[in-house]
Structure formats: structure tokens, C-alpha cells
């Protein structure tokens, strides 16, 4: 019997999916919150199921290249490299230039992101930018947990409808075993 709260971070190697995520503020709980926020924004924006699944995938794995409290411009490239080097369910479906752009560009400046977009074979560049805004808004809404949320950072008007949800969601206690089950089930279903 275990006394006290159980820390799943201590057994990361037991679950290969959990081992993908950094420990700390940008770990699996962050990825899960962004995953859920993206899903909610997609509801308001009437995003197709294929694009929704791509966005949810990107939301989950865009920060797996992060180390500790590191924030650098090439983080997205590290994350995408880690995805390509990891075997897990659903990965092959998302090896396309749209997902690659969304993951690799998420920490770039607007100017660098625009330049970067031209390096991918994406037919509808306006759609790619719109999808990028959904991801950015989900990240901005998750900023409640740091106490530095600013509604002016939201790009899409529908994202503003989720401010109350996001403020309550960040206070909710998340259980890693339930998060892992939901993510694993989602990956099996897609």
C-alpha cells in the first residue's frame, strides 16, 4: 500500500506514452488541457473531423521536445523530431506538412512563421494559418494556470467564449492515469 499521494512522474518509464512528455509545467497535464481546449474551439469553429484530429494531435505533442523550463524558437522542431523518432498509435496519420508546420512553428514569431509556411507543401495556406490560430488560442487560454492570461492574446472571437471554461478547467485536479487512458483511447480510435 502506498502512503500519501502517488507521483506518476517517478514511474514515467513504465508508460512509454507518459515518457514522451517533459516533467513540470509543460508536461502531460498541460498537453491534455490544450488538447481539450482545442477540441472546444473546434466545436465553435465547426472544424471538420479530420482537421480537428490533426489539431488535437498537434496540441498533445507540440511541447514534447521541451526540456525543463526551456522556451526557445526551435522547440517545435525538436518536438517534431521526437515524434518522428517515436513509435506510437496514430502517428502515421499525422505525418503531413500541415501537422509538421503547426508543431514546428508554434514558438516562432509571426514573421518567422510566415516565412516558414512557404517551406511546406500546404495547398491552403490561409486554412493553415487559421488552424494555427486555434492552437495559439488554446495555449493562450491555458495561460490561466500561470496567472498571466490576457484576453487580447486570443486571435479568434469564438475562443473568447471559452474564457470562463478555461479559468475553471485550470483549477480542476487532473489525474495522470485518467489522462493517459483518454489519450490512449483517442489514439486507438483515430
N, C-alpha and C. Protein backbone atom coordinates (compact mmCIF):
# COMPACT_ATOMS: atom_id res chain seq x y z
N UNK A 1 0.84 -1.18 0.00
CA UNK A 1 0.00 0.00 0.00
C UNK A 1 0.89 1.24 0.00
N UNK A 2 0.50 2.25 -0.77
CA UNK A 2 1.27 3.49 -0.90
C UNK A 2 0.71 4.52 0.06
N UNK A 3 1.58 5.11 0.85
CA UNK A 3 1.14 6.17 1.77
C UNK A 3 1.30 7.52 1.08
N UNK A 4 0.29 8.35 1.18
CA UNK A 4 0.37 9.68 0.57
C UNK A 4 0.03 9.65 -0.90
N UNK A 5 0.06 10.82 -1.54
CA UNK A 5 -0.27 10.89 -2.98
C UNK A 5 0.79 10.20 -3.82
N UNK A 6 0.34 9.58 -4.87
CA UNK A 6 1.24 8.85 -5.76
C UNK A 6 1.74 9.76 -6.87
N UNK A 7 3.01 9.80 -7.13
CA UNK A 7 3.61 10.67 -8.13
C UNK A 7 3.95 9.86 -9.38
N UNK A 8 3.11 9.99 -10.42
CA UNK A 8 3.33 9.23 -11.64
C UNK A 8 4.60 9.66 -12.38
N UNK A 9 5.09 10.88 -12.13
CA UNK A 9 6.32 11.32 -12.77
C UNK A 9 7.49 10.42 -12.41
N UNK A 10 7.43 9.81 -11.23
CA UNK A 10 8.52 8.95 -10.79
C UNK A 10 8.58 7.63 -11.55
N UNK A 11 7.48 7.25 -12.20
CA UNK A 11 7.46 5.97 -12.92
C UNK A 11 7.29 6.17 -14.42
N UNK A 12 7.64 7.32 -14.92
CA UNK A 12 7.46 7.61 -16.34
C UNK A 12 7.90 6.48 -17.26
N UNK A 13 9.06 5.88 -17.05
CA UNK A 13 9.49 4.84 -17.98
C UNK A 13 8.53 3.66 -18.08
N UNK A 14 7.65 3.45 -17.10
CA UNK A 14 6.70 2.34 -17.15
C UNK A 14 5.70 2.53 -18.28
N UNK A 15 5.32 3.75 -18.57
CA UNK A 15 4.36 4.03 -19.64
C UNK A 15 5.08 4.81 -20.74
N UNK A 16 5.29 4.20 -21.91
CA UNK A 16 6.04 4.88 -22.97
C UNK A 16 5.38 6.18 -23.43
N UNK A 17 4.06 6.27 -23.37
CA UNK A 17 3.39 7.50 -23.77
C UNK A 17 3.72 8.61 -22.79
N UNK A 18 3.64 8.33 -21.51
CA UNK A 18 3.95 9.33 -20.49
C UNK A 18 5.41 9.77 -20.58
N UNK A 19 6.29 8.84 -20.94
CA UNK A 19 7.71 9.16 -21.04
C UNK A 19 8.02 10.19 -22.13
N UNK A 20 7.10 10.39 -23.07
CA UNK A 20 7.31 11.38 -24.13
C UNK A 20 7.28 12.82 -23.59
N UNK A 21 6.52 13.04 -22.53
CA UNK A 21 6.26 14.39 -22.07
C UNK A 21 7.29 14.86 -21.06
N UNK A 22 7.63 16.15 -21.11
CA UNK A 22 8.55 16.68 -20.11
C UNK A 22 7.88 16.71 -18.74
N UNK A 23 8.67 16.72 -17.71
CA UNK A 23 8.15 16.84 -16.35
C UNK A 23 7.99 18.33 -16.06
N UNK A 24 6.97 18.68 -15.34
CA UNK A 24 6.80 20.07 -14.92
C UNK A 24 5.64 20.76 -15.60
N UNK A 25 5.75 22.06 -15.71
CA UNK A 25 4.66 22.92 -16.18
C UNK A 25 4.20 22.61 -17.60
N UNK A 26 5.05 22.02 -18.43
CA UNK A 26 4.69 21.71 -19.81
C UNK A 26 4.57 20.21 -20.04
N UNK A 27 4.22 19.51 -18.99
CA UNK A 27 4.08 18.06 -19.06
C UNK A 27 2.73 17.64 -19.61
N UNK A 28 2.35 16.42 -19.26
CA UNK A 28 1.15 15.82 -19.83
C UNK A 28 -0.13 16.57 -19.43
N UNK A 29 -0.15 17.17 -18.24
CA UNK A 29 -1.35 17.92 -17.84
C UNK A 29 -1.55 19.13 -18.74
N UNK A 30 -0.47 19.83 -19.06
CA UNK A 30 -0.55 20.97 -19.98
C UNK A 30 -1.03 20.50 -21.35
N UNK A 31 -0.42 19.43 -21.85
CA UNK A 31 -0.79 18.91 -23.17
C UNK A 31 -2.26 18.52 -23.19
N UNK A 32 -2.73 17.92 -22.13
CA UNK A 32 -4.13 17.50 -22.04
C UNK A 32 -5.07 18.71 -22.02
N UNK A 33 -4.73 19.73 -21.25
CA UNK A 33 -5.58 20.92 -21.21
C UNK A 33 -5.66 21.57 -22.59
N UNK A 34 -4.53 21.69 -23.27
CA UNK A 34 -4.53 22.29 -24.61
C UNK A 34 -5.32 21.41 -25.58
N UNK A 35 -5.17 20.11 -25.47
CA UNK A 35 -5.92 19.13 -26.27
C UNK A 35 -7.43 19.36 -26.11
N UNK A 36 -7.89 19.50 -24.86
CA UNK A 36 -9.31 19.71 -24.59
C UNK A 36 -9.78 21.10 -25.04
N UNK A 37 -8.94 22.11 -24.85
CA UNK A 37 -9.30 23.47 -25.29
C UNK A 37 -9.40 23.53 -26.81
N UNK A 38 -8.48 22.89 -27.51
CA UNK A 38 -8.54 22.82 -28.98
C UNK A 38 -9.85 22.18 -29.41
N UNK A 39 -10.22 21.09 -28.76
CA UNK A 39 -11.45 20.40 -29.10
C UNK A 39 -12.66 21.32 -28.93
N UNK A 40 -12.67 22.09 -27.85
CA UNK A 40 -13.78 23.03 -27.61
C UNK A 40 -13.81 24.15 -28.64
N UNK A 41 -12.65 24.69 -28.98
CA UNK A 41 -12.60 25.75 -30.00
C UNK A 41 -13.10 25.19 -31.34
N UNK A 42 -12.70 23.96 -31.66
CA UNK A 42 -13.16 23.33 -32.90
C UNK A 42 -14.67 23.21 -32.95
N UNK A 43 -15.30 22.97 -31.81
CA UNK A 43 -16.76 22.93 -31.77
C UNK A 43 -17.35 24.26 -32.23
N UNK A 44 -16.84 25.35 -31.70
CA UNK A 44 -17.35 26.68 -32.05
C UNK A 44 -17.04 27.04 -33.50
N UNK A 45 -15.89 26.60 -33.99
CA UNK A 45 -15.45 26.97 -35.34
C UNK A 45 -15.96 26.01 -36.41
N UNK A 46 -16.64 24.97 -36.01
CA UNK A 46 -17.20 23.98 -36.96
C UNK A 46 -16.10 23.37 -37.84
N UNK A 47 -15.03 22.93 -37.21
CA UNK A 47 -13.88 22.33 -37.90
C UNK A 47 -14.21 20.88 -38.27
N UNK A 48 -13.82 20.46 -39.47
CA UNK A 48 -14.06 19.09 -39.91
C UNK A 48 -13.36 18.10 -38.98
N UNK A 49 -13.84 16.87 -38.97
CA UNK A 49 -13.28 15.87 -38.07
C UNK A 49 -11.80 15.61 -38.36
N UNK A 50 -11.42 15.53 -39.64
CA UNK A 50 -10.01 15.28 -39.98
C UNK A 50 -9.10 16.40 -39.46
N UNK A 51 -9.51 17.64 -39.67
CA UNK A 51 -8.70 18.76 -39.19
C UNK A 51 -8.70 18.83 -37.67
N UNK A 52 -9.83 18.53 -37.05
CA UNK A 52 -9.92 18.51 -35.58
C UNK A 52 -8.92 17.49 -35.02
N UNK A 53 -8.89 16.30 -35.61
CA UNK A 53 -7.98 15.26 -35.11
C UNK A 53 -6.52 15.70 -35.28
N UNK A 54 -6.22 16.35 -36.39
CA UNK A 54 -4.85 16.86 -36.60
C UNK A 54 -4.50 17.90 -35.55
N UNK A 55 -5.42 18.81 -35.27
CA UNK A 55 -5.18 19.84 -34.26
C UNK A 55 -5.00 19.22 -32.87
N UNK A 56 -5.81 18.24 -32.55
CA UNK A 56 -5.70 17.59 -31.24
C UNK A 56 -4.36 16.87 -31.11
N UNK A 57 -3.92 16.23 -32.18
CA UNK A 57 -2.63 15.56 -32.19
C UNK A 57 -1.51 16.59 -31.95
N UNK A 58 -1.56 17.68 -32.68
CA UNK A 58 -0.54 18.73 -32.53
C UNK A 58 -0.57 19.31 -31.13
N UNK A 59 -1.76 19.52 -30.58
CA UNK A 59 -1.89 20.07 -29.23
C UNK A 59 -1.21 19.16 -28.21
N UNK A 60 -1.38 17.86 -28.37
CA UNK A 60 -0.80 16.91 -27.42
C UNK A 60 0.73 16.87 -27.49
N UNK A 61 1.26 16.93 -28.70
CA UNK A 61 2.67 16.60 -28.85
C UNK A 61 3.59 17.78 -29.24
N UNK A 62 3.06 18.98 -29.31
CA UNK A 62 3.89 20.09 -29.76
C UNK A 62 4.95 20.51 -28.75
N UNK A 63 4.82 20.13 -27.50
CA UNK A 63 5.80 20.52 -26.49
C UNK A 63 6.68 19.37 -26.01
N UNK A 64 6.62 18.21 -26.65
CA UNK A 64 7.40 17.08 -26.13
C UNK A 64 8.90 17.24 -26.32
N UNK A 65 9.31 18.20 -27.12
CA UNK A 65 10.74 18.45 -27.30
C UNK A 65 11.31 19.39 -26.25
N UNK A 66 10.45 19.92 -25.40
CA UNK A 66 10.86 20.88 -24.37
C UNK A 66 11.64 20.18 -23.26
N UNK A 67 12.62 20.89 -22.76
CA UNK A 67 13.40 20.38 -21.63
C UNK A 67 13.29 21.38 -20.49
N UNK A 68 12.82 20.88 -19.33
CA UNK A 68 12.63 21.70 -18.14
C UNK A 68 11.80 22.94 -18.46
N UNK A 69 12.30 24.13 -18.13
CA UNK A 69 11.55 25.37 -18.34
C UNK A 69 12.00 26.08 -19.62
N UNK A 70 12.60 25.35 -20.49
CA UNK A 70 13.16 25.88 -21.72
C UNK A 70 12.09 26.44 -22.65
N UNK A 71 12.34 27.61 -23.19
CA UNK A 71 11.46 28.19 -24.21
C UNK A 71 12.37 28.74 -25.29
N UNK A 72 12.43 28.05 -26.38
CA UNK A 72 13.30 28.51 -27.46
C UNK A 72 12.59 28.37 -28.78
N UNK A 73 13.09 29.07 -29.77
CA UNK A 73 12.41 29.11 -31.05
C UNK A 73 12.43 27.77 -31.78
N UNK A 74 13.41 26.94 -31.57
CA UNK A 74 13.45 25.68 -32.30
C UNK A 74 12.81 24.53 -31.53
N UNK A 75 12.05 24.84 -30.49
CA UNK A 75 11.36 23.83 -29.70
C UNK A 75 10.44 22.98 -30.57
N UNK A 76 9.69 23.60 -31.45
CA UNK A 76 8.78 22.86 -32.32
C UNK A 76 9.51 21.87 -33.20
N UNK A 77 10.70 22.24 -33.66
CA UNK A 77 11.49 21.33 -34.50
C UNK A 77 11.95 20.12 -33.67
N UNK A 78 12.33 20.38 -32.41
CA UNK A 78 12.72 19.28 -31.52
C UNK A 78 11.53 18.36 -31.26
N UNK A 79 10.36 18.95 -31.04
CA UNK A 79 9.17 18.15 -30.78
C UNK A 79 8.83 17.28 -31.99
N UNK A 80 8.85 17.87 -33.18
CA UNK A 80 8.52 17.09 -34.37
C UNK A 80 9.56 15.98 -34.59
N UNK A 81 10.82 16.27 -34.32
CA UNK A 81 11.86 15.25 -34.43
C UNK A 81 11.61 14.10 -33.47
N UNK A 82 11.16 14.43 -32.26
CA UNK A 82 10.87 13.40 -31.27
C UNK A 82 9.67 12.55 -31.71
N UNK A 83 8.67 13.19 -32.30
CA UNK A 83 7.50 12.45 -32.81
C UNK A 83 7.95 11.47 -33.89
N UNK A 84 8.77 11.93 -34.80
CA UNK A 84 9.22 11.07 -35.90
C UNK A 84 10.05 9.90 -35.41
N UNK A 85 10.74 10.09 -34.27
CA UNK A 85 11.59 9.03 -33.74
C UNK A 85 10.90 8.11 -32.76
N UNK A 86 9.60 8.31 -32.56
CA UNK A 86 8.86 7.55 -31.56
C UNK A 86 7.76 6.74 -32.24
N UNK A 87 7.61 5.53 -31.81
CA UNK A 87 6.54 4.68 -32.34
C UNK A 87 5.36 4.69 -31.37
N UNK A 88 4.23 5.22 -31.80
CA UNK A 88 3.01 5.12 -31.02
C UNK A 88 1.82 5.21 -31.95
N UNK A 89 0.66 4.80 -31.47
CA UNK A 89 -0.54 4.72 -32.30
C UNK A 89 -0.92 6.07 -32.88
N UNK A 90 -1.36 6.07 -34.11
CA UNK A 90 -1.89 7.28 -34.73
C UNK A 90 -0.86 8.17 -35.40
N UNK A 91 0.40 7.92 -35.17
CA UNK A 91 1.45 8.81 -35.66
C UNK A 91 1.46 8.93 -37.18
N UNK A 92 1.33 7.84 -37.87
CA UNK A 92 1.47 7.86 -39.33
C UNK A 92 0.43 8.77 -39.98
N UNK A 93 -0.74 8.80 -39.43
CA UNK A 93 -1.82 9.63 -39.98
C UNK A 93 -1.47 11.11 -39.98
N UNK A 94 -0.60 11.50 -39.07
CA UNK A 94 -0.30 12.92 -38.88
C UNK A 94 1.07 13.33 -39.41
N UNK A 95 1.68 12.44 -40.17
CA UNK A 95 2.96 12.80 -40.79
C UNK A 95 2.66 13.47 -42.12
N UNK A 96 2.28 14.72 -42.02
CA UNK A 96 2.00 15.51 -43.21
C UNK A 96 2.51 16.92 -42.96
N UNK A 97 2.58 17.70 -44.00
CA UNK A 97 3.17 19.03 -43.86
C UNK A 97 2.34 19.98 -43.02
N UNK A 98 1.03 19.79 -42.98
CA UNK A 98 0.21 20.66 -42.15
C UNK A 98 0.56 20.45 -40.67
N UNK A 99 0.56 19.20 -40.21
CA UNK A 99 0.90 18.93 -38.81
C UNK A 99 2.34 19.34 -38.51
N UNK A 100 3.19 19.08 -39.44
CA UNK A 100 4.59 19.46 -39.25
C UNK A 100 4.72 20.98 -39.08
N UNK A 101 4.04 21.75 -39.92
CA UNK A 101 4.05 23.20 -39.80
C UNK A 101 3.50 23.65 -38.45
N UNK A 102 2.36 23.09 -38.06
CA UNK A 102 1.72 23.51 -36.80
C UNK A 102 2.61 23.23 -35.60
N UNK A 103 3.27 22.09 -35.60
CA UNK A 103 4.15 21.74 -34.47
C UNK A 103 5.45 22.52 -34.52
N UNK A 104 6.09 22.54 -35.68
CA UNK A 104 7.40 23.18 -35.76
C UNK A 104 7.35 24.69 -35.58
N UNK A 105 6.23 25.31 -35.91
CA UNK A 105 6.16 26.77 -35.91
C UNK A 105 5.56 27.38 -34.65
N UNK A 106 5.13 26.58 -33.71
CA UNK A 106 4.33 27.14 -32.61
C UNK A 106 5.09 28.08 -31.68
N UNK A 107 6.41 28.09 -31.72
CA UNK A 107 7.15 29.04 -30.88
C UNK A 107 7.85 30.13 -31.72
N UNK A 108 7.57 30.15 -33.01
CA UNK A 108 8.21 31.15 -33.86
C UNK A 108 7.45 32.47 -33.81
N UNK A 109 8.15 33.54 -34.12
CA UNK A 109 7.50 34.84 -34.23
C UNK A 109 6.57 34.83 -35.44
N UNK A 110 5.65 35.78 -35.50
CA UNK A 110 4.71 35.86 -36.63
C UNK A 110 5.47 35.97 -37.95
N UNK A 111 6.50 36.79 -37.96
CA UNK A 111 7.29 36.98 -39.18
C UNK A 111 8.00 35.68 -39.59
N UNK A 112 8.63 35.02 -38.64
CA UNK A 112 9.33 33.77 -38.94
C UNK A 112 8.35 32.67 -39.33
N UNK A 113 7.19 32.66 -38.69
CA UNK A 113 6.17 31.65 -39.00
C UNK A 113 5.70 31.82 -40.44
N UNK A 114 5.49 33.06 -40.89
CA UNK A 114 5.05 33.31 -42.26
C UNK A 114 6.10 32.85 -43.26
N UNK A 115 7.36 33.10 -42.96
CA UNK A 115 8.44 32.63 -43.83
C UNK A 115 8.48 31.10 -43.84
N UNK A 116 8.30 30.51 -42.66
CA UNK A 116 8.36 29.06 -42.50
C UNK A 116 7.25 28.37 -43.30
N UNK A 117 6.07 28.97 -43.34
CA UNK A 117 4.92 28.38 -44.01
C UNK A 117 5.23 28.06 -45.48
N UNK A 118 6.01 28.89 -46.12
CA UNK A 118 6.33 28.68 -47.53
C UNK A 118 7.25 27.47 -47.76
N UNK A 119 7.81 26.92 -46.70
CA UNK A 119 8.69 25.77 -46.83
C UNK A 119 7.94 24.43 -46.78
N UNK A 120 6.63 24.50 -46.60
CA UNK A 120 5.82 23.29 -46.51
C UNK A 120 4.91 23.18 -47.73
N UNK A 121 4.59 21.96 -48.09
CA UNK A 121 3.68 21.74 -49.21
C UNK A 121 2.25 21.70 -48.66
N UNK A 122 1.71 22.89 -48.46
CA UNK A 122 0.37 23.05 -47.94
C UNK A 122 -0.42 23.82 -48.97
N UNK A 123 -1.49 23.21 -49.47
CA UNK A 123 -2.29 23.85 -50.52
C UNK A 123 -3.00 25.10 -50.03
N UNK A 124 -3.70 24.99 -48.92
CA UNK A 124 -4.49 26.11 -48.41
C UNK A 124 -3.76 26.77 -47.24
N UNK A 125 -2.93 27.73 -47.56
CA UNK A 125 -2.12 28.40 -46.55
C UNK A 125 -2.98 29.23 -45.59
N UNK A 126 -4.08 29.79 -46.08
CA UNK A 126 -4.99 30.54 -45.19
C UNK A 126 -5.60 29.61 -44.15
N UNK A 127 -5.97 28.40 -44.56
CA UNK A 127 -6.51 27.42 -43.63
C UNK A 127 -5.45 27.05 -42.59
N UNK A 128 -4.21 26.87 -43.03
CA UNK A 128 -3.13 26.51 -42.11
C UNK A 128 -2.94 27.60 -41.05
N UNK A 129 -3.00 28.85 -41.46
CA UNK A 129 -2.87 29.96 -40.51
C UNK A 129 -4.05 29.98 -39.55
N UNK A 130 -5.26 29.73 -40.05
CA UNK A 130 -6.44 29.67 -39.20
C UNK A 130 -6.30 28.56 -38.16
N UNK A 131 -5.86 27.39 -38.58
CA UNK A 131 -5.66 26.27 -37.65
C UNK A 131 -4.58 26.61 -36.63
N UNK A 132 -3.56 27.30 -37.09
CA UNK A 132 -2.50 27.73 -36.18
C UNK A 132 -3.08 28.65 -35.10
N UNK A 133 -3.99 29.52 -35.49
CA UNK A 133 -4.62 30.44 -34.53
C UNK A 133 -5.43 29.68 -33.48
N UNK A 134 -6.05 28.58 -33.89
CA UNK A 134 -6.79 27.76 -32.93
C UNK A 134 -5.83 27.20 -31.88
N UNK A 135 -4.70 26.67 -32.34
CA UNK A 135 -3.70 26.15 -31.40
C UNK A 135 -3.17 27.25 -30.48
N UNK A 136 -2.87 28.40 -31.05
CA UNK A 136 -2.35 29.52 -30.25
C UNK A 136 -3.37 29.98 -29.22
N UNK A 137 -4.64 30.00 -29.60
CA UNK A 137 -5.67 30.41 -28.65
C UNK A 137 -5.81 29.40 -27.51
N UNK A 138 -5.71 28.12 -27.83
CA UNK A 138 -5.77 27.09 -26.78
C UNK A 138 -4.60 27.28 -25.82
N UNK A 139 -3.43 27.57 -26.35
CA UNK A 139 -2.27 27.83 -25.49
C UNK A 139 -2.48 29.08 -24.65
N UNK A 140 -3.04 30.12 -25.25
CA UNK A 140 -3.29 31.36 -24.51
C UNK A 140 -4.32 31.12 -23.40
N UNK A 141 -5.35 30.34 -23.68
CA UNK A 141 -6.35 30.02 -22.66
C UNK A 141 -5.74 29.20 -21.52
N UNK A 142 -4.78 28.37 -21.83
CA UNK A 142 -4.13 27.58 -20.78
C UNK A 142 -3.22 28.45 -19.90
N UNK A 143 -2.98 29.68 -20.31
CA UNK A 143 -2.13 30.58 -19.52
C UNK A 143 -2.77 30.96 -18.19
N UNK A 144 -4.03 30.63 -17.98
CA UNK A 144 -4.66 30.87 -16.68
C UNK A 144 -3.85 30.25 -15.56
N UNK A 145 -3.25 29.10 -15.82
CA UNK A 145 -2.52 28.40 -14.74
C UNK A 145 -1.28 29.16 -14.30
N UNK A 146 -0.78 30.07 -15.14
CA UNK A 146 0.37 30.88 -14.77
C UNK A 146 -0.04 32.23 -14.20
N UNK A 147 -1.34 32.52 -14.28
CA UNK A 147 -1.83 33.80 -13.79
C UNK A 147 -1.55 34.96 -14.72
N UNK A 148 -1.22 34.66 -15.96
CA UNK A 148 -0.91 35.75 -16.91
C UNK A 148 -1.78 35.68 -18.16
N UNK A 149 -3.02 35.26 -17.99
CA UNK A 149 -3.94 35.22 -19.12
C UNK A 149 -4.31 36.63 -19.53
N UNK A 150 -4.35 36.85 -20.84
CA UNK A 150 -4.77 38.15 -21.38
C UNK A 150 -5.70 37.87 -22.57
N UNK A 151 -6.95 38.28 -22.45
CA UNK A 151 -7.93 38.03 -23.50
C UNK A 151 -7.51 38.65 -24.82
N UNK A 152 -6.70 39.71 -24.78
CA UNK A 152 -6.23 40.35 -26.02
C UNK A 152 -5.31 39.43 -26.81
N UNK A 153 -4.79 38.39 -26.18
CA UNK A 153 -3.92 37.43 -26.88
C UNK A 153 -4.71 36.45 -27.75
N UNK A 154 -6.02 36.41 -27.56
CA UNK A 154 -6.85 35.48 -28.34
C UNK A 154 -7.09 36.03 -29.74
N UNK A 155 -6.86 35.20 -30.72
CA UNK A 155 -6.98 35.60 -32.13
C UNK A 155 -8.42 35.49 -32.65
N UNK A 156 -9.15 34.50 -32.16
CA UNK A 156 -10.47 34.20 -32.71
C UNK A 156 -11.57 34.60 -31.73
N UNK A 157 -12.62 35.19 -32.25
CA UNK A 157 -13.70 35.65 -31.37
C UNK A 157 -14.36 34.48 -30.65
N UNK A 158 -14.46 33.32 -31.29
CA UNK A 158 -15.07 32.16 -30.63
C UNK A 158 -14.24 31.66 -29.45
N UNK A 159 -12.96 31.91 -29.48
CA UNK A 159 -12.11 31.49 -28.36
C UNK A 159 -12.47 32.26 -27.09
N UNK A 160 -12.96 33.47 -27.26
CA UNK A 160 -13.34 34.29 -26.10
C UNK A 160 -14.53 33.67 -25.36
N UNK A 161 -15.29 32.84 -26.04
CA UNK A 161 -16.42 32.16 -25.40
C UNK A 161 -15.95 31.10 -24.39
N UNK A 162 -14.68 30.76 -24.44
CA UNK A 162 -14.15 29.71 -23.58
C UNK A 162 -13.35 30.23 -22.39
N UNK A 163 -13.36 31.53 -22.18
CA UNK A 163 -12.56 32.11 -21.10
C UNK A 163 -13.00 31.55 -19.74
N UNK A 164 -14.28 31.53 -19.47
CA UNK A 164 -14.77 31.00 -18.19
C UNK A 164 -14.43 29.51 -18.06
N UNK A 165 -14.67 28.75 -19.13
CA UNK A 165 -14.33 27.33 -19.12
C UNK A 165 -12.85 27.13 -18.80
N UNK A 166 -12.00 27.89 -19.47
CA UNK A 166 -10.55 27.74 -19.27
C UNK A 166 -10.15 28.10 -17.85
N UNK A 167 -10.76 29.15 -17.30
CA UNK A 167 -10.40 29.56 -15.94
C UNK A 167 -10.81 28.48 -14.92
N UNK A 168 -11.92 27.80 -15.17
CA UNK A 168 -12.35 26.72 -14.28
C UNK A 168 -11.56 25.43 -14.54
N UNK A 169 -11.24 25.18 -15.80
CA UNK A 169 -10.53 23.96 -16.18
C UNK A 169 -9.13 23.93 -15.57
N UNK A 170 -8.48 25.06 -15.49
CA UNK A 170 -7.12 25.06 -14.96
C UNK A 170 -7.11 24.75 -13.46
N UNK A 171 -8.23 24.95 -12.78
CA UNK A 171 -8.32 24.65 -11.35
C UNK A 171 -8.67 23.19 -11.07
N UNK A 172 -9.15 22.51 -12.08
CA UNK A 172 -9.57 21.13 -11.93
C UNK A 172 -8.35 20.23 -11.69
N UNK A 173 -8.47 19.35 -10.72
CA UNK A 173 -7.38 18.41 -10.46
C UNK A 173 -7.40 17.34 -11.54
N UNK A 174 -6.29 17.18 -12.22
CA UNK A 174 -6.19 16.20 -13.29
C UNK A 174 -5.42 14.98 -12.79
N UNK A 175 -5.94 13.82 -13.08
CA UNK A 175 -5.30 12.57 -12.67
C UNK A 175 -4.59 11.98 -13.88
N UNK A 176 -3.29 11.78 -13.75
CA UNK A 176 -2.50 11.31 -14.89
C UNK A 176 -2.96 9.98 -15.44
N UNK A 177 -3.39 9.07 -14.58
CA UNK A 177 -3.83 7.77 -15.09
C UNK A 177 -5.07 7.91 -15.96
N UNK A 178 -5.98 8.83 -15.60
CA UNK A 178 -7.17 9.05 -16.41
C UNK A 178 -6.84 9.79 -17.71
N UNK A 179 -5.91 10.74 -17.62
CA UNK A 179 -5.45 11.45 -18.81
C UNK A 179 -4.84 10.46 -19.80
N UNK A 180 -3.95 9.61 -19.30
CA UNK A 180 -3.30 8.62 -20.16
C UNK A 180 -4.32 7.70 -20.82
N UNK A 181 -5.30 7.25 -20.06
CA UNK A 181 -6.33 6.37 -20.63
C UNK A 181 -7.09 7.09 -21.74
N UNK A 182 -7.49 8.34 -21.50
CA UNK A 182 -8.22 9.09 -22.52
C UNK A 182 -7.38 9.29 -23.78
N UNK A 183 -6.12 9.64 -23.60
CA UNK A 183 -5.24 9.86 -24.76
C UNK A 183 -5.01 8.54 -25.50
N UNK A 184 -4.72 7.48 -24.76
CA UNK A 184 -4.50 6.18 -25.41
C UNK A 184 -5.75 5.72 -26.15
N UNK A 185 -6.92 5.90 -25.56
CA UNK A 185 -8.17 5.53 -26.23
C UNK A 185 -8.37 6.37 -27.48
N UNK A 186 -8.08 7.65 -27.39
CA UNK A 186 -8.22 8.54 -28.56
C UNK A 186 -7.28 8.09 -29.68
N UNK A 187 -6.03 7.80 -29.33
CA UNK A 187 -5.06 7.36 -30.34
C UNK A 187 -5.48 6.04 -30.99
N UNK A 188 -6.10 5.16 -30.23
CA UNK A 188 -6.58 3.88 -30.79
C UNK A 188 -7.75 4.10 -31.75
N UNK A 189 -8.59 5.08 -31.40
CA UNK A 189 -9.81 5.32 -32.18
C UNK A 189 -9.58 6.07 -33.49
N UNK A 190 -8.49 6.80 -33.60
CA UNK A 190 -8.31 7.62 -34.80
C UNK A 190 -7.72 6.85 -35.95
